N, C-alpha and C. Protein backbone atom coordinates (compact mmCIF):
# COMPACT_ATOMS: atom_id res chain seq x y z
N MET A 1 22.71 -8.74 39.00
CA MET A 1 21.34 -8.84 38.57
C MET A 1 20.47 -7.82 39.30
N VAL A 2 20.65 -7.68 40.62
CA VAL A 2 19.87 -6.73 41.41
C VAL A 2 20.14 -5.31 40.94
N LYS A 3 21.40 -4.98 40.61
CA LYS A 3 21.74 -3.64 40.12
C LYS A 3 21.01 -3.36 38.82
N ARG A 4 20.89 -4.35 37.94
CA ARG A 4 20.20 -4.16 36.66
C ARG A 4 18.71 -3.89 36.90
N ILE A 5 18.09 -4.61 37.81
CA ILE A 5 16.67 -4.42 38.12
C ILE A 5 16.45 -3.02 38.69
N ILE A 6 17.34 -2.58 39.58
CA ILE A 6 17.22 -1.24 40.16
C ILE A 6 17.37 -0.19 39.07
N ALA A 7 18.33 -0.35 38.17
CA ALA A 7 18.55 0.62 37.09
C ALA A 7 17.33 0.70 36.18
N VAL A 8 16.77 -0.44 35.80
CA VAL A 8 15.59 -0.45 34.94
C VAL A 8 14.41 0.19 35.65
N THR A 9 14.23 -0.08 36.91
CA THR A 9 13.14 0.50 37.70
C THR A 9 13.28 2.01 37.76
N LEU A 10 14.50 2.52 37.99
CA LEU A 10 14.72 3.96 38.06
C LEU A 10 14.42 4.63 36.72
N VAL A 11 14.82 4.01 35.64
CA VAL A 11 14.52 4.58 34.32
C VAL A 11 13.01 4.62 34.11
N GLY A 12 12.31 3.55 34.49
CA GLY A 12 10.85 3.52 34.37
C GLY A 12 10.18 4.60 35.19
N VAL A 13 10.65 4.81 36.41
CA VAL A 13 10.09 5.85 37.27
C VAL A 13 10.35 7.22 36.66
N TRP A 14 11.56 7.42 36.11
CA TRP A 14 11.89 8.71 35.50
C TRP A 14 10.95 9.01 34.35
N PHE A 15 10.71 8.01 33.44
CA PHE A 15 9.79 8.24 32.33
C PHE A 15 8.37 8.45 32.83
N GLY A 16 7.97 7.74 33.85
CA GLY A 16 6.62 7.87 34.39
C GLY A 16 6.38 9.19 35.08
N CYS A 17 7.42 9.83 35.59
CA CYS A 17 7.27 11.08 36.33
C CYS A 17 7.52 12.32 35.48
N ARG A 18 7.80 12.16 34.23
CA ARG A 18 8.04 13.32 33.38
C ARG A 18 6.78 14.15 33.28
N THR A 19 6.93 15.46 33.24
CA THR A 19 5.77 16.35 33.18
C THR A 19 5.30 16.57 31.75
N GLU A 20 6.12 16.28 30.76
CA GLU A 20 5.71 16.47 29.38
C GLU A 20 4.83 15.29 28.97
N THR A 21 3.67 15.60 28.40
CA THR A 21 2.78 14.55 27.93
C THR A 21 2.51 14.78 26.45
N PRO A 22 2.33 13.69 25.69
CA PRO A 22 2.04 13.85 24.26
C PRO A 22 0.71 14.58 24.07
N THR A 23 0.63 15.40 23.04
CA THR A 23 -0.60 16.14 22.76
C THR A 23 -1.37 15.54 21.60
N GLY A 24 -0.87 14.50 20.97
CA GLY A 24 -1.55 13.88 19.84
C GLY A 24 -0.59 13.64 18.71
N THR A 25 -1.13 13.13 17.62
CA THR A 25 -0.29 12.79 16.47
C THR A 25 -0.23 13.89 15.43
N GLN A 26 -0.95 15.02 15.65
CA GLN A 26 -0.95 16.05 14.63
C GLN A 26 0.45 16.60 14.37
N ASP A 27 1.35 16.51 15.32
CA ASP A 27 2.70 17.01 15.13
C ASP A 27 3.62 15.95 14.52
N LEU A 28 3.09 14.75 14.26
CA LEU A 28 3.90 13.65 13.76
C LEU A 28 3.32 13.07 12.49
N PRO A 29 3.30 13.83 11.37
CA PRO A 29 2.68 13.31 10.16
C PRO A 29 3.49 12.20 9.49
N THR A 30 4.78 12.12 9.78
CA THR A 30 5.60 11.08 9.17
C THR A 30 6.47 10.44 10.22
N PHE A 31 6.90 9.23 9.94
CA PHE A 31 7.87 8.57 10.79
C PHE A 31 8.67 7.62 9.92
N ALA A 32 9.78 7.16 10.42
CA ALA A 32 10.63 6.26 9.64
C ALA A 32 10.84 4.97 10.40
N VAL A 33 10.88 3.89 9.68
CA VAL A 33 11.21 2.59 10.23
C VAL A 33 12.64 2.30 9.81
N ALA A 34 13.47 1.81 10.72
CA ALA A 34 14.88 1.57 10.43
C ALA A 34 15.04 0.77 9.14
N GLY A 35 15.83 1.29 8.22
CA GLY A 35 16.11 0.59 6.98
C GLY A 35 14.98 0.64 5.97
N SER A 36 14.00 1.52 6.15
CA SER A 36 12.88 1.55 5.23
C SER A 36 12.67 2.95 4.67
N ALA A 37 11.70 3.02 3.77
CA ALA A 37 11.30 4.31 3.23
C ALA A 37 10.53 5.08 4.30
N GLU A 38 10.33 6.35 4.08
CA GLU A 38 9.55 7.16 4.99
C GLU A 38 8.10 6.69 5.00
N CYS A 39 7.49 6.71 6.16
CA CYS A 39 6.10 6.27 6.32
C CYS A 39 5.26 7.45 6.79
N TYR A 40 3.96 7.40 6.49
CA TYR A 40 3.05 8.49 6.80
C TYR A 40 1.86 7.96 7.60
N ALA A 41 1.54 8.62 8.70
CA ALA A 41 0.30 8.35 9.42
C ALA A 41 -0.80 9.09 8.68
N VAL A 42 -1.87 8.38 8.30
CA VAL A 42 -2.93 8.98 7.49
C VAL A 42 -4.29 8.76 8.14
N THR A 43 -5.20 9.68 7.86
CA THR A 43 -6.57 9.59 8.34
C THR A 43 -7.49 10.31 7.35
N GLY A 44 -8.72 9.85 7.27
CA GLY A 44 -9.66 10.47 6.35
C GLY A 44 -10.93 9.65 6.24
N ALA A 45 -11.61 9.75 5.09
CA ALA A 45 -12.89 9.07 4.90
C ALA A 45 -12.96 8.43 3.53
N ILE A 46 -13.73 7.35 3.47
CA ILE A 46 -14.04 6.65 2.23
C ILE A 46 -15.56 6.65 2.10
N ASP A 47 -16.07 7.22 1.01
CA ASP A 47 -17.50 7.22 0.74
C ASP A 47 -17.74 6.46 -0.56
N GLN A 48 -18.57 5.41 -0.48
CA GLN A 48 -18.81 4.55 -1.63
C GLN A 48 -20.31 4.30 -1.83
N VAL A 49 -20.67 3.98 -3.07
CA VAL A 49 -22.02 3.56 -3.41
C VAL A 49 -21.92 2.37 -4.34
N GLY A 50 -23.01 1.59 -4.43
CA GLY A 50 -23.03 0.46 -5.33
C GLY A 50 -24.40 -0.16 -5.40
N THR A 51 -24.63 -0.94 -6.43
CA THR A 51 -25.92 -1.61 -6.58
C THR A 51 -25.92 -2.99 -5.96
N ALA A 52 -24.78 -3.46 -5.53
CA ALA A 52 -24.66 -4.75 -4.85
C ALA A 52 -23.60 -4.60 -3.76
N PRO A 53 -23.76 -5.32 -2.63
CA PRO A 53 -22.80 -5.15 -1.53
C PRO A 53 -21.40 -5.68 -1.85
N ASN A 54 -21.24 -6.41 -2.96
CA ASN A 54 -19.92 -6.92 -3.29
C ASN A 54 -19.20 -6.06 -4.33
N GLN A 55 -19.80 -4.93 -4.75
CA GLN A 55 -19.16 -4.04 -5.73
C GLN A 55 -19.52 -2.61 -5.39
N LEU A 56 -18.57 -1.88 -4.78
CA LEU A 56 -18.79 -0.49 -4.40
C LEU A 56 -17.69 0.37 -4.98
N SER A 57 -18.01 1.64 -5.27
CA SER A 57 -16.97 2.56 -5.73
C SER A 57 -17.30 3.95 -5.21
N GLY A 58 -16.28 4.81 -5.15
CA GLY A 58 -16.50 6.15 -4.64
C GLY A 58 -15.22 6.95 -4.50
N THR A 59 -15.17 7.75 -3.43
CA THR A 59 -14.06 8.69 -3.25
C THR A 59 -13.36 8.48 -1.91
N ILE A 60 -12.09 8.88 -1.90
CA ILE A 60 -11.27 8.91 -0.70
C ILE A 60 -10.95 10.37 -0.44
N SER A 61 -11.11 10.82 0.82
CA SER A 61 -10.77 12.20 1.17
C SER A 61 -9.93 12.19 2.45
N GLY A 62 -9.33 13.33 2.73
CA GLY A 62 -8.49 13.44 3.92
C GLY A 62 -7.02 13.49 3.55
N ASP A 63 -6.19 12.78 4.30
CA ASP A 63 -4.74 12.78 4.05
C ASP A 63 -4.38 12.12 2.73
N VAL A 64 -5.23 11.23 2.25
CA VAL A 64 -5.09 10.62 0.92
C VAL A 64 -6.38 10.92 0.18
N GLU A 65 -6.25 11.40 -1.07
CA GLU A 65 -7.42 11.75 -1.87
C GLU A 65 -7.39 10.99 -3.18
N GLY A 66 -8.59 10.63 -3.65
CA GLY A 66 -8.67 9.94 -4.93
C GLY A 66 -9.95 9.15 -5.05
N SER A 67 -9.88 8.07 -5.82
CA SER A 67 -11.05 7.23 -6.02
C SER A 67 -10.77 5.83 -5.49
N VAL A 68 -11.85 5.10 -5.20
CA VAL A 68 -11.73 3.77 -4.62
C VAL A 68 -12.74 2.85 -5.28
N ASN A 69 -12.36 1.59 -5.47
CA ASN A 69 -13.24 0.55 -5.97
C ASN A 69 -13.04 -0.67 -5.07
N THR A 70 -14.14 -1.22 -4.56
CA THR A 70 -14.08 -2.37 -3.66
C THR A 70 -14.85 -3.53 -4.26
N VAL A 71 -14.22 -4.71 -4.27
CA VAL A 71 -14.86 -5.94 -4.71
C VAL A 71 -14.81 -6.92 -3.55
N GLY A 72 -15.99 -7.34 -3.08
CA GLY A 72 -16.08 -8.23 -1.93
C GLY A 72 -16.10 -9.69 -2.34
N GLY A 73 -15.57 -10.52 -1.47
CA GLY A 73 -15.57 -11.96 -1.68
C GLY A 73 -16.76 -12.61 -1.01
N PRO A 74 -16.68 -13.92 -0.78
CA PRO A 74 -17.80 -14.64 -0.18
C PRO A 74 -18.05 -14.20 1.27
N VAL A 75 -19.32 -14.18 1.66
CA VAL A 75 -19.72 -13.76 3.01
C VAL A 75 -19.80 -14.98 3.92
N ASP A 76 -19.27 -14.83 5.12
CA ASP A 76 -19.40 -15.83 6.18
C ASP A 76 -20.28 -15.22 7.26
N ALA A 77 -21.51 -15.74 7.42
CA ALA A 77 -22.46 -15.19 8.39
C ALA A 77 -22.47 -16.03 9.66
N ARG A 78 -22.37 -15.33 10.78
CA ARG A 78 -22.45 -15.97 12.11
C ARG A 78 -23.35 -15.12 12.99
N GLY A 79 -24.65 -15.42 12.96
CA GLY A 79 -25.60 -14.60 13.71
C GLY A 79 -25.69 -13.22 13.12
N VAL A 80 -25.49 -12.18 13.94
CA VAL A 80 -25.57 -10.80 13.46
C VAL A 80 -24.24 -10.29 12.92
N VAL A 81 -23.22 -11.16 12.86
CA VAL A 81 -21.89 -10.76 12.39
C VAL A 81 -21.62 -11.40 11.02
N LEU A 82 -21.22 -10.54 10.08
CA LEU A 82 -20.84 -11.00 8.75
C LEU A 82 -19.37 -10.67 8.54
N SER A 83 -18.65 -11.61 7.95
CA SER A 83 -17.25 -11.30 7.60
C SER A 83 -17.05 -11.69 6.14
N ARG A 84 -16.13 -10.98 5.51
CA ARG A 84 -15.82 -11.27 4.11
C ARG A 84 -14.47 -10.67 3.75
N PRO A 85 -13.71 -11.40 2.94
CA PRO A 85 -12.48 -10.82 2.40
C PRO A 85 -12.84 -9.98 1.17
N GLY A 86 -11.92 -9.18 0.75
CA GLY A 86 -12.16 -8.39 -0.45
C GLY A 86 -10.88 -7.76 -0.96
N GLU A 87 -11.00 -7.15 -2.11
CA GLU A 87 -9.89 -6.43 -2.73
C GLU A 87 -10.34 -5.00 -2.98
N GLN A 88 -9.43 -4.07 -2.77
CA GLN A 88 -9.74 -2.66 -2.95
C GLN A 88 -8.65 -2.03 -3.79
N THR A 89 -9.04 -1.10 -4.66
CA THR A 89 -8.10 -0.36 -5.48
C THR A 89 -8.27 1.13 -5.18
N TRP A 90 -7.17 1.78 -4.82
CA TRP A 90 -7.16 3.22 -4.59
C TRP A 90 -6.36 3.87 -5.72
N VAL A 91 -6.95 4.84 -6.42
CA VAL A 91 -6.23 5.66 -7.39
C VAL A 91 -6.01 7.00 -6.71
N ILE A 92 -4.76 7.29 -6.37
CA ILE A 92 -4.44 8.46 -5.54
C ILE A 92 -4.16 9.67 -6.42
N THR A 93 -4.94 10.74 -6.18
CA THR A 93 -4.79 11.97 -6.97
C THR A 93 -4.34 13.16 -6.14
N GLY A 94 -4.27 13.02 -4.81
CA GLY A 94 -3.86 14.13 -3.97
C GLY A 94 -3.64 13.69 -2.54
N GLY A 95 -3.39 14.66 -1.68
CA GLY A 95 -3.19 14.38 -0.26
C GLY A 95 -1.78 14.71 0.20
N ILE A 96 -1.44 14.27 1.43
CA ILE A 96 -0.16 14.62 2.04
C ILE A 96 0.97 13.65 1.71
N VAL A 97 0.64 12.51 1.09
CA VAL A 97 1.67 11.52 0.79
C VAL A 97 2.13 11.74 -0.65
N ASP A 98 2.96 12.77 -0.84
CA ASP A 98 3.40 13.17 -2.19
C ASP A 98 3.95 12.02 -3.03
N PRO A 99 4.76 11.10 -2.46
CA PRO A 99 5.29 10.02 -3.30
C PRO A 99 4.23 9.07 -3.85
N LEU A 100 3.02 9.08 -3.30
CA LEU A 100 1.97 8.19 -3.79
C LEU A 100 1.01 8.86 -4.77
N ILE A 101 1.06 10.19 -4.89
CA ILE A 101 0.15 10.89 -5.80
C ILE A 101 0.44 10.45 -7.23
N GLY A 102 -0.61 10.03 -7.92
CA GLY A 102 -0.48 9.51 -9.28
C GLY A 102 -0.34 8.01 -9.33
N ASN A 103 -0.25 7.36 -8.17
CA ASN A 103 -0.09 5.90 -8.12
C ASN A 103 -1.42 5.21 -7.82
N THR A 104 -1.43 3.91 -8.06
CA THR A 104 -2.56 3.06 -7.73
C THR A 104 -2.13 2.06 -6.68
N LEU A 105 -2.91 1.98 -5.59
CA LEU A 105 -2.65 1.00 -4.53
C LEU A 105 -3.67 -0.12 -4.64
N ARG A 106 -3.22 -1.33 -4.42
CA ARG A 106 -4.13 -2.47 -4.26
C ARG A 106 -4.06 -2.90 -2.81
N LEU A 107 -5.21 -3.11 -2.20
CA LEU A 107 -5.27 -3.50 -0.79
C LEU A 107 -6.11 -4.76 -0.64
N HIS A 108 -5.69 -5.62 0.28
CA HIS A 108 -6.51 -6.75 0.70
C HIS A 108 -7.27 -6.30 1.93
N VAL A 109 -8.60 -6.48 1.93
CA VAL A 109 -9.41 -6.04 3.06
C VAL A 109 -10.10 -7.24 3.72
N GLU A 110 -10.22 -7.17 5.02
CA GLU A 110 -10.98 -8.14 5.82
C GLU A 110 -12.10 -7.35 6.49
N VAL A 111 -13.31 -7.50 5.98
CA VAL A 111 -14.46 -6.74 6.45
C VAL A 111 -15.19 -7.53 7.53
N LEU A 112 -15.52 -6.84 8.61
CA LEU A 112 -16.35 -7.38 9.67
C LEU A 112 -17.55 -6.44 9.81
N ALA A 113 -18.75 -6.96 9.55
CA ALA A 113 -19.97 -6.15 9.60
C ALA A 113 -20.89 -6.68 10.69
N VAL A 114 -21.39 -5.78 11.52
CA VAL A 114 -22.31 -6.16 12.60
C VAL A 114 -23.67 -5.55 12.29
N ALA A 115 -24.67 -6.39 12.22
CA ALA A 115 -26.04 -5.94 11.92
C ALA A 115 -26.70 -5.45 13.20
N ALA A 116 -26.19 -4.37 13.74
CA ALA A 116 -26.70 -3.83 15.01
C ALA A 116 -28.07 -3.20 14.81
N LEU A 117 -28.25 -2.46 13.73
CA LEU A 117 -29.51 -1.80 13.41
C LEU A 117 -29.86 -2.05 11.95
N PRO A 118 -30.20 -3.29 11.58
CA PRO A 118 -30.48 -3.57 10.17
C PRO A 118 -31.51 -2.59 9.62
N PRO A 119 -31.36 -2.12 8.42
CA PRO A 119 -30.43 -2.51 7.37
C PRO A 119 -29.11 -1.74 7.37
N VAL A 120 -28.79 -1.07 8.48
CA VAL A 120 -27.50 -0.38 8.59
C VAL A 120 -26.54 -1.30 9.34
N PHE A 121 -25.38 -1.52 8.74
CA PHE A 121 -24.36 -2.38 9.33
C PHE A 121 -23.21 -1.53 9.85
N ARG A 122 -22.72 -1.83 11.06
CA ARG A 122 -21.50 -1.20 11.58
C ARG A 122 -20.34 -1.96 10.96
N ILE A 123 -19.41 -1.23 10.38
CA ILE A 123 -18.30 -1.84 9.64
C ILE A 123 -16.99 -1.61 10.39
N ASN A 124 -16.22 -2.67 10.52
CA ASN A 124 -14.85 -2.63 11.05
C ASN A 124 -13.99 -3.42 10.08
N THR A 125 -13.06 -2.77 9.44
CA THR A 125 -12.27 -3.40 8.38
C THR A 125 -10.79 -3.21 8.63
N ARG A 126 -10.03 -4.26 8.35
CA ARG A 126 -8.57 -4.16 8.33
C ARG A 126 -8.14 -4.23 6.87
N ALA A 127 -7.21 -3.37 6.49
CA ALA A 127 -6.72 -3.34 5.11
C ALA A 127 -5.20 -3.38 5.13
N ARG A 128 -4.66 -4.15 4.18
CA ARG A 128 -3.20 -4.28 4.05
C ARG A 128 -2.82 -4.03 2.59
N VAL A 129 -1.86 -3.14 2.37
CA VAL A 129 -1.40 -2.85 1.01
C VAL A 129 -0.67 -4.07 0.46
N VAL A 130 -1.07 -4.50 -0.75
CA VAL A 130 -0.41 -5.64 -1.40
C VAL A 130 0.33 -5.23 -2.67
N ASP A 131 0.08 -4.00 -3.15
CA ASP A 131 0.79 -3.54 -4.35
C ASP A 131 0.67 -2.02 -4.44
N GLY A 132 1.70 -1.37 -4.95
CA GLY A 132 1.67 0.06 -5.17
C GLY A 132 2.40 0.88 -4.12
N ALA A 133 2.76 0.25 -3.01
CA ALA A 133 3.54 0.90 -1.95
C ALA A 133 4.37 -0.17 -1.27
N TRP A 134 5.41 0.27 -0.57
CA TRP A 134 6.28 -0.68 0.12
C TRP A 134 5.51 -1.43 1.20
N GLN A 135 4.69 -0.69 1.95
CA GLN A 135 3.93 -1.30 3.04
C GLN A 135 2.80 -0.36 3.43
N GLY A 136 1.77 -0.90 4.03
CA GLY A 136 0.68 -0.09 4.53
C GLY A 136 -0.34 -0.93 5.27
N ASN A 137 -0.83 -0.41 6.37
CA ASN A 137 -1.88 -1.06 7.15
C ASN A 137 -2.86 0.01 7.59
N LEU A 138 -4.15 -0.27 7.38
CA LEU A 138 -5.20 0.69 7.70
C LEU A 138 -6.35 -0.02 8.41
N THR A 139 -7.13 0.75 9.15
CA THR A 139 -8.39 0.27 9.70
C THR A 139 -9.48 1.23 9.25
N TYR A 140 -10.67 0.69 9.01
CA TYR A 140 -11.83 1.49 8.63
C TYR A 140 -12.94 1.23 9.63
N HIS A 141 -13.66 2.28 10.00
CA HIS A 141 -14.82 2.16 10.88
C HIS A 141 -15.92 3.06 10.35
N GLY A 142 -17.14 2.55 10.33
CA GLY A 142 -18.26 3.36 9.85
C GLY A 142 -19.49 2.52 9.65
N THR A 143 -20.31 2.93 8.67
CA THR A 143 -21.57 2.23 8.42
C THR A 143 -21.78 2.00 6.93
N THR A 144 -22.55 0.95 6.64
CA THR A 144 -23.03 0.67 5.30
C THR A 144 -24.53 0.46 5.40
N ASP A 145 -25.28 1.18 4.56
CA ASP A 145 -26.74 1.11 4.57
C ASP A 145 -27.19 0.36 3.32
N VAL A 146 -27.82 -0.80 3.52
CA VAL A 146 -28.26 -1.62 2.39
C VAL A 146 -29.76 -1.45 2.13
N SER A 147 -30.40 -0.45 2.77
CA SER A 147 -31.84 -0.25 2.58
C SER A 147 -32.15 0.56 1.34
N THR A 148 -31.15 1.19 0.75
CA THR A 148 -31.37 2.03 -0.42
C THR A 148 -30.63 1.46 -1.62
N VAL A 149 -31.07 1.86 -2.79
CA VAL A 149 -30.35 1.55 -4.02
C VAL A 149 -30.03 2.88 -4.66
N PRO A 150 -28.77 3.24 -4.81
CA PRO A 150 -27.62 2.39 -4.50
C PRO A 150 -27.34 2.29 -3.00
N ILE A 151 -26.65 1.23 -2.64
CA ILE A 151 -26.16 1.02 -1.27
C ILE A 151 -25.17 2.14 -0.97
N THR A 152 -25.17 2.67 0.26
CA THR A 152 -24.22 3.73 0.62
C THR A 152 -23.34 3.27 1.77
N SER A 153 -22.09 3.69 1.73
CA SER A 153 -21.14 3.33 2.78
C SER A 153 -20.27 4.54 3.10
N HIS A 154 -20.14 4.84 4.39
CA HIS A 154 -19.23 5.89 4.85
C HIS A 154 -18.32 5.28 5.91
N LEU A 155 -17.01 5.30 5.64
CA LEU A 155 -16.03 4.72 6.55
C LEU A 155 -14.93 5.74 6.82
N ASP A 156 -14.50 5.84 8.07
CA ASP A 156 -13.32 6.64 8.41
C ASP A 156 -12.12 5.71 8.38
N TYR A 157 -11.03 6.14 7.75
CA TYR A 157 -9.81 5.32 7.71
C TYR A 157 -8.72 5.95 8.56
N HIS A 158 -7.89 5.09 9.13
CA HIS A 158 -6.73 5.51 9.93
C HIS A 158 -5.64 4.46 9.70
N GLY A 159 -4.39 4.90 9.66
CA GLY A 159 -3.32 3.93 9.53
C GLY A 159 -2.02 4.53 9.07
N VAL A 160 -1.22 3.68 8.45
CA VAL A 160 0.13 4.05 8.02
C VAL A 160 0.34 3.58 6.59
N LEU A 161 0.91 4.48 5.76
CA LEU A 161 1.29 4.12 4.39
C LEU A 161 2.77 4.44 4.21
N CYS A 162 3.49 3.47 3.65
CA CYS A 162 4.92 3.63 3.38
C CYS A 162 5.14 3.48 1.87
N PRO A 163 5.40 4.59 1.15
CA PRO A 163 5.62 4.52 -0.29
C PRO A 163 6.81 3.61 -0.64
N SER A 164 6.82 3.15 -1.86
CA SER A 164 7.91 2.29 -2.34
C SER A 164 9.23 3.00 -2.32
C-alpha cells in the first residue's frame, strides 16, 4: 500500500513540475469520447429580438451559424432572480461542425435572469440538446433588455456539440 501511495505521489509531482503549459483550446477544436461520435468545442453568439420575453428569434454566429427561435415557459420569480425553462430550435446553415450543417437542433434551456440593472437582465443559461444531435451541452451568458420593443438579447455561447 505504501509503495502505491509513493508511486501515485511521484506521478503527481512529475505532472505538476512539467514545463509545458496549455495555451488554450484554440488548438483543440474537436475531441472524441470513447465509443461515441466526434464532438466539437464551440463558441459564438446568439442575437435575438421579440415582442414578448417568452418568444424570441434571431441569429447564431461563430462556430455554429444559423437561425434560432426560443420559446420560454413559466417564470419563477425570487426577488431579483427569475428562472424559467424553455425550448430552443437552431437551424444550422454554417460553421465548423460540418456534420450538423443543414440540420435542426432542439434544445432544452434553463434560463436564470438577474435583474441587476433593470430593465436589463444578466442572463445565465444552460442548454442541453434533446434532438438533432447525439449529445450537446452549452452555456449562454449575456444580457436581455426589456426596455425596448422589440426586446433585444445578446448571449455568448460556449460548449460541446456531438453530431449523431
